Protein backbone atom coordinates (compact mmCIF):
# COMPACT_ATOMS: atom_id res chain seq x y z
CA MET A 1 207.05 61.85 127.78
CA GLN A 2 204.40 64.33 126.78
CA GLN A 3 201.30 65.07 128.79
CA HIS A 4 198.21 66.25 127.11
CA ALA A 5 194.68 67.34 128.25
CA LEU A 6 192.70 65.99 125.57
CA PRO A 7 189.16 67.30 124.84
CA VAL A 8 186.47 64.62 124.30
CA PRO A 9 183.00 65.49 122.88
CA GLY A 10 180.29 65.10 125.55
CA ALA A 11 182.99 64.91 128.23
CA ALA A 12 182.84 67.63 131.09
CA HIS A 13 186.57 67.62 131.40
CA PRO A 14 189.43 66.72 128.97
CA LEU A 15 191.30 63.37 129.32
CA ALA A 16 194.84 63.00 130.95
CA VAL A 17 196.90 61.48 128.13
CA ARG A 18 200.50 60.61 128.09
CA ARG A 19 202.67 60.30 125.03
CA TYR A 20 205.90 58.41 124.99
CA LEU A 21 208.27 59.05 121.89
CA PRO A 22 211.12 57.31 120.57
CA PRO A 23 214.53 58.70 120.86
CA ALA A 24 215.13 62.13 119.14
CA GLY A 25 216.08 61.20 115.49
CA THR A 26 214.30 57.86 115.29
CA PRO A 27 211.30 57.87 112.98
CA PRO A 28 208.36 56.26 114.97
CA ARG A 29 207.24 52.85 113.43
CA GLY A 30 203.63 53.74 114.23
CA SER A 31 201.52 54.36 117.24
CA VAL A 32 200.41 52.10 119.96
CA VAL A 33 197.51 53.02 122.38
CA ILE A 34 197.41 51.07 125.66
CA GLY A 35 193.83 50.57 126.95
CA ALA A 36 193.72 50.17 130.81
CA ALA A 37 191.91 47.70 132.96
CA PHE A 38 189.12 48.50 135.35
CA GLY A 39 190.58 50.86 138.03
CA VAL A 40 194.16 50.75 136.90
CA PRO A 41 195.66 54.21 136.44
CA GLN A 42 197.83 54.83 133.42
CA THR A 43 200.96 55.37 135.54
CA PHE A 44 200.91 51.42 136.04
CA TYR A 45 201.81 51.18 132.23
CA ALA A 46 204.41 53.71 132.21
CA PRO A 47 207.45 51.13 132.29
CA PHE A 48 205.96 49.18 129.31
CA ALA A 49 205.28 52.30 127.51
CA GLN A 50 208.66 53.81 127.97
CA TRP A 51 210.41 50.59 127.04
CA LEU A 52 208.12 50.23 123.82
CA ALA A 53 209.03 53.91 122.98
CA GLY A 54 212.54 52.90 123.26
CA GLN A 55 211.96 50.32 120.49
CA GLY A 56 210.72 53.01 118.08
CA TRP A 57 207.12 53.31 118.76
CA ALA A 58 204.94 56.37 119.79
CA VAL A 59 202.90 55.05 122.58
CA SER A 60 199.88 56.75 124.26
CA THR A 61 198.39 56.03 127.58
CA PHE A 62 195.37 57.73 129.21
CA ASP A 63 192.92 57.77 132.15
CA TYR A 64 189.32 57.06 131.30
CA ARG A 65 187.04 59.88 132.43
CA GLY A 66 186.69 59.69 136.41
CA GLN A 67 189.81 57.73 136.72
CA GLY A 68 193.29 58.65 137.73
CA ALA A 69 194.47 62.15 136.53
CA SER A 70 191.14 62.18 134.48
CA LEU A 71 188.99 62.67 137.84
CA HIS A 72 187.96 66.23 138.21
CA GLY A 73 185.94 66.73 141.49
CA PRO A 74 184.36 64.05 143.58
CA MET A 75 183.84 60.67 142.15
CA ARG A 76 180.09 60.67 143.04
CA ALA A 77 179.64 63.61 140.39
CA VAL A 78 181.14 61.83 137.53
CA GLN A 79 178.68 60.98 134.92
CA ALA A 80 180.00 58.20 132.87
CA ASN A 81 179.30 54.69 131.59
CA LEU A 82 181.26 52.10 129.56
CA HIS A 83 180.13 53.72 126.22
CA ASP A 84 181.59 56.94 127.47
CA TRP A 85 184.81 55.24 128.23
CA ALA A 86 184.78 53.63 124.64
CA ARG A 87 184.57 57.37 123.29
CA ASP A 88 187.35 58.21 125.36
CA TYR A 89 189.38 55.37 123.75
CA ASP A 90 188.21 56.76 120.49
CA ALA A 91 189.48 60.18 121.06
CA VAL A 92 193.03 58.78 122.24
CA ILE A 93 193.16 56.65 119.01
CA ALA A 94 192.11 59.59 116.81
CA HIS A 95 194.82 61.84 118.54
CA ALA A 96 197.47 59.10 118.04
CA ALA A 97 196.44 58.72 114.29
CA GLU A 98 196.45 62.49 113.54
CA ALA A 99 199.92 62.70 115.12
CA LEU A 100 201.39 60.24 112.91
CA PRO A 101 199.49 60.29 109.62
CA GLY A 102 200.13 57.37 107.40
CA ARG A 103 201.36 55.23 110.17
CA PRO A 104 199.52 52.29 111.70
CA VAL A 105 197.55 52.56 114.95
CA LEU A 106 197.95 49.46 117.19
CA LEU A 107 196.05 48.76 120.55
CA VAL A 108 197.52 46.85 123.50
CA GLY A 109 194.40 46.12 125.53
CA HIS A 110 194.68 45.09 129.14
CA SER A 111 191.42 43.43 130.44
CA LEU A 112 188.75 45.92 129.75
CA GLY A 113 191.17 47.63 127.27
CA ALA A 114 190.48 44.46 125.01
CA GLN A 115 186.78 44.45 125.80
CA LEU A 116 185.92 47.99 124.72
CA PRO A 117 187.39 47.96 121.14
CA GLY A 118 184.25 46.15 120.08
CA LEU A 119 182.26 49.34 120.90
CA LEU A 120 184.80 51.76 119.19
CA GLU A 121 183.80 54.28 116.45
CA GLN A 122 187.50 54.57 115.38
CA LYS A 123 187.75 50.80 114.29
CA HIS A 124 188.80 51.82 110.80
CA ARG A 125 191.97 53.48 112.23
CA VAL A 126 192.98 50.27 114.23
CA ALA A 127 195.59 47.70 112.47
CA GLY A 128 195.65 45.31 115.43
CA LEU A 129 194.92 44.44 119.00
CA LEU A 130 197.27 42.71 121.32
CA SER A 131 194.85 41.57 124.07
CA VAL A 132 196.53 40.92 127.56
CA ALA A 133 194.67 38.92 130.28
CA ALA A 134 191.35 39.77 128.88
CA GLY A 135 188.18 37.88 128.54
CA SER A 136 184.46 38.05 129.10
CA GLY A 137 183.65 39.36 132.60
CA TYR A 138 180.67 36.86 132.80
CA TRP A 139 180.99 35.80 136.48
CA ARG A 140 180.70 32.12 135.83
CA GLN A 141 183.83 32.53 133.64
CA ASN A 142 185.85 34.08 136.32
CA ALA A 143 188.76 32.08 137.94
CA PRO A 144 187.40 29.65 140.50
CA ARG A 145 188.45 31.53 143.74
CA LEU A 146 186.89 34.79 142.44
CA ARG A 147 183.88 33.02 141.01
CA ARG A 148 182.77 31.93 144.52
CA LEU A 149 182.69 35.65 145.77
CA MET A 150 180.82 36.96 142.54
CA PRO A 151 177.08 36.36 143.73
CA PHE A 152 177.65 38.53 146.93
CA PHE A 153 179.51 41.02 144.96
CA TRP A 154 177.26 41.55 142.08
CA HIS A 155 173.95 41.17 144.01
CA VAL A 156 174.69 42.81 147.35
CA LEU A 157 178.05 44.75 147.51
CA VAL A 158 178.03 46.60 144.29
CA PRO A 159 174.25 47.80 144.37
CA VAL A 160 174.33 48.48 147.95
CA SER A 161 177.47 50.41 148.11
CA VAL A 162 176.64 52.51 144.97
CA ARG A 163 173.39 53.48 146.04
CA LEU A 164 174.80 54.67 149.56
CA CYS A 165 177.94 56.24 148.18
CA GLY A 166 176.80 57.59 144.65
CA TYR A 167 179.72 55.55 143.16
CA PHE A 168 181.59 52.28 143.72
CA PRO A 169 184.17 52.65 146.48
CA GLY A 170 186.33 49.91 145.25
CA ARG A 171 189.42 51.38 146.88
CA ARG A 172 188.00 51.49 150.23
CA LEU A 173 186.59 47.95 149.71
CA ARG A 174 189.83 46.74 148.21
CA ALA A 175 188.02 45.50 145.11
CA VAL A 176 188.99 46.91 141.53
CA GLY A 177 189.02 50.56 142.41
CA ASP A 178 186.66 53.69 142.66
CA LEU A 179 184.29 53.71 139.76
CA PRO A 180 181.58 56.05 138.76
CA ALA A 181 178.08 54.83 139.40
CA GLY A 182 177.18 54.52 135.57
CA VAL A 183 180.19 52.36 134.89
CA ALA A 184 179.66 50.17 138.07
CA ARG A 185 175.93 49.51 137.22
CA GLN A 186 176.56 48.96 133.38
CA TRP A 187 179.40 46.45 134.26
CA ARG A 188 177.33 44.59 136.64
CA ARG A 189 174.67 44.08 133.89
CA TRP A 190 177.58 42.85 131.57
CA CYS A 191 179.02 40.51 134.17
CA LEU A 192 175.49 38.93 134.90
CA HIS A 193 174.87 38.01 131.30
CA PRO A 194 176.29 34.91 129.61
CA ARG A 195 177.22 36.65 126.60
CA TYR A 196 178.71 39.69 128.51
CA SER A 197 178.62 43.17 126.61
CA VAL A 198 176.92 41.82 123.69
CA GLY A 199 174.17 40.01 125.62
CA ALA A 200 173.58 43.06 128.04
CA GLU A 201 173.46 45.48 125.44
CA GLY A 202 171.64 43.71 122.60
CA GLU A 203 171.61 43.94 118.79
CA ALA A 204 173.46 47.26 118.49
CA ALA A 205 176.38 45.77 120.56
CA ARG A 206 176.40 42.58 118.53
CA GLN A 207 176.69 44.43 115.39
CA ALA A 208 179.28 46.78 116.45
CA TYR A 209 181.67 43.69 117.60
CA GLY A 210 180.78 42.19 114.28
CA GLU A 211 182.20 45.32 112.35
CA VAL A 212 185.85 44.59 113.76
CA ARG A 213 188.10 43.46 110.98
CA PHE A 214 191.58 44.33 112.56
CA PRO A 215 193.47 41.11 113.73
CA ILE A 216 193.45 40.15 117.40
CA HIS A 217 196.11 38.25 119.08
CA ALA A 218 195.13 37.25 122.63
CA TRP A 219 197.41 36.26 125.61
CA SER A 220 195.59 34.09 128.31
CA MET A 221 197.56 33.64 131.48
CA GLN A 222 197.58 30.08 132.92
CA ASP A 223 197.82 31.57 136.38
CA ASP A 224 195.50 34.51 136.00
CA GLU A 225 193.66 35.05 139.34
CA MET A 226 190.73 36.88 137.55
CA MET A 227 190.16 35.43 134.10
CA THR A 228 190.07 31.77 132.72
CA LEU A 229 190.90 30.58 129.36
CA ALA A 230 187.13 29.94 128.73
CA GLY A 231 186.47 33.61 129.50
CA THR A 232 189.20 34.68 127.02
CA GLU A 233 187.79 32.43 124.32
CA ALA A 234 184.21 33.87 125.13
CA LEU A 235 185.42 37.30 124.41
CA LEU A 236 187.08 36.55 121.24
CA ALA A 237 183.86 34.96 120.14
CA LEU A 238 182.14 38.16 120.34
CA TYR A 239 184.68 39.63 117.55
CA THR A 240 182.95 37.46 115.01
CA HIS A 241 184.59 38.62 111.83
CA ALA A 242 188.10 39.69 113.03
CA PRO A 243 191.19 37.16 112.51
CA ARG A 244 191.92 35.94 115.90
CA GLN A 245 194.77 34.01 117.58
CA LEU A 246 194.84 32.65 121.06
CA GLU A 247 198.03 32.04 123.05
CA HIS A 248 197.72 30.38 126.48
CA LEU A 249 200.93 31.23 128.42
CA ALA A 250 202.10 29.64 131.48
CA PRO A 251 204.83 31.27 133.85
CA GLN A 252 207.23 28.42 133.02
CA ASP A 253 207.23 29.32 129.43
CA VAL A 254 209.34 32.38 130.12
CA GLY A 255 211.23 31.24 133.13
CA ALA A 256 208.92 33.00 135.77
CA ARG A 257 207.38 31.96 138.99
CA ARG A 258 204.28 34.01 138.23
CA ILE A 259 202.51 36.13 135.53
CA GLY A 260 199.02 36.57 136.65
CA HIS A 261 196.45 39.12 135.58
CA PHE A 262 198.67 42.19 136.07
CA GLY A 263 202.26 40.80 135.76
CA PHE A 264 202.88 41.32 132.06
CA PHE A 265 203.26 44.98 132.53
CA ARG A 266 205.74 44.81 135.24
CA GLU A 267 209.60 45.42 134.32
CA GLY A 268 210.54 41.87 135.28
CA PHE A 269 209.16 40.83 131.77
CA ARG A 270 211.21 43.33 129.78
CA ASP A 271 213.45 40.64 128.47
CA THR A 272 211.03 37.92 127.84
CA LEU A 273 207.34 38.92 127.17
CA TRP A 274 207.92 42.62 126.11
CA PRO A 275 209.99 41.65 123.08
CA ARG A 276 207.46 39.12 122.10
CA ALA A 277 204.60 41.81 122.26
CA ALA A 278 206.88 44.16 120.10
CA ARG A 279 207.55 41.47 117.61
CA GLN A 280 203.59 41.03 117.21
CA LEU A 281 203.16 44.64 116.87
CA GLN A 282 206.00 44.97 114.34
CA GLN A 283 204.15 41.91 112.24
CA TRP A 284 201.01 43.89 111.97
CA CYS A 285 203.03 47.05 111.02
CA ASP A 286 204.80 45.21 108.22
CA ALA A 287 201.88 43.44 106.91
CA PRO A 288 198.56 45.09 107.84
CA ALA A 289 195.69 42.51 107.76
CA ILE A 290 193.17 42.20 105.11
CA ALA A 291 189.45 41.63 106.35
CA PRO A 292 188.32 38.20 105.43
CA SER A 293 185.00 37.80 103.60
CA SER A 294 183.65 35.19 105.93
CA PRO A 295 184.13 34.73 109.77
CA PRO A 296 187.42 33.01 110.44
CA PRO A 297 188.04 30.36 113.20
CA VAL A 298 190.18 31.10 116.31
CA ALA A 299 193.72 30.14 115.46
CA ARG A 300 195.67 28.55 118.51
CA THR A 301 199.24 28.83 119.00
CA THR A 302 201.56 27.56 121.59
CA ALA A 303 204.31 29.45 123.73
CA ALA A 304 207.55 29.36 122.11
């Protein structure tokens, strides 16, 4: 594993990036960039990244500015919003592409990590996105138990705590994690709009998502405590011109008691879900998708 301090235009400090490489003497199949969920440090993805590198991929993980090892100084001093985090994602994609010229760059996006690709400037460098437990964050499409808490969360807890603290103190509140004020406020706007990011940001965002042409394969988890199938469908609908597939997974499909919102990246799935992810990435590596001339329907598949 290599660690890099990656400069990003417009950012006050470099990003903390980790790059996991295949065994010595093994030519990399291509690059995989793992986009993290809200408040989740890149260290959480290390077991999966190490395993994937062992399968022959060069894998990059990173912390968005103001998160994990990319936090420099107090959180209240971090100037960042979700567009800035998309630029961080862009920088890591460009770094991965330049490290392996001529080889495909694929994304594994966890939750937010599958929402931000619609706002990327480096779309042309991406050959596919595996979306894991991701969907629209519109609060009415949250899982039932979480949905009951959202009016208080968005209308009271977030605005009041950000005003008092200068950032969202999620760690102290045991909700999501600490977030820069700009990220928390923008995310709030997204989650209160029925069309999420595209609705909150307007025409420019709609066009940005519509420019995506790389294929997307989404895994929705039946026992996800945060996201619903409807939310995943709503997120995929934003990528209007991308080839899209949706697979709804239940724990019993892979002989597990639970998967949930975070389970896929835990080592307990190294013999079940992880190989399936590797096969999907390899399919894109072997046969890069050709952009369709008209918006394709979402193809549904069933768990094997």
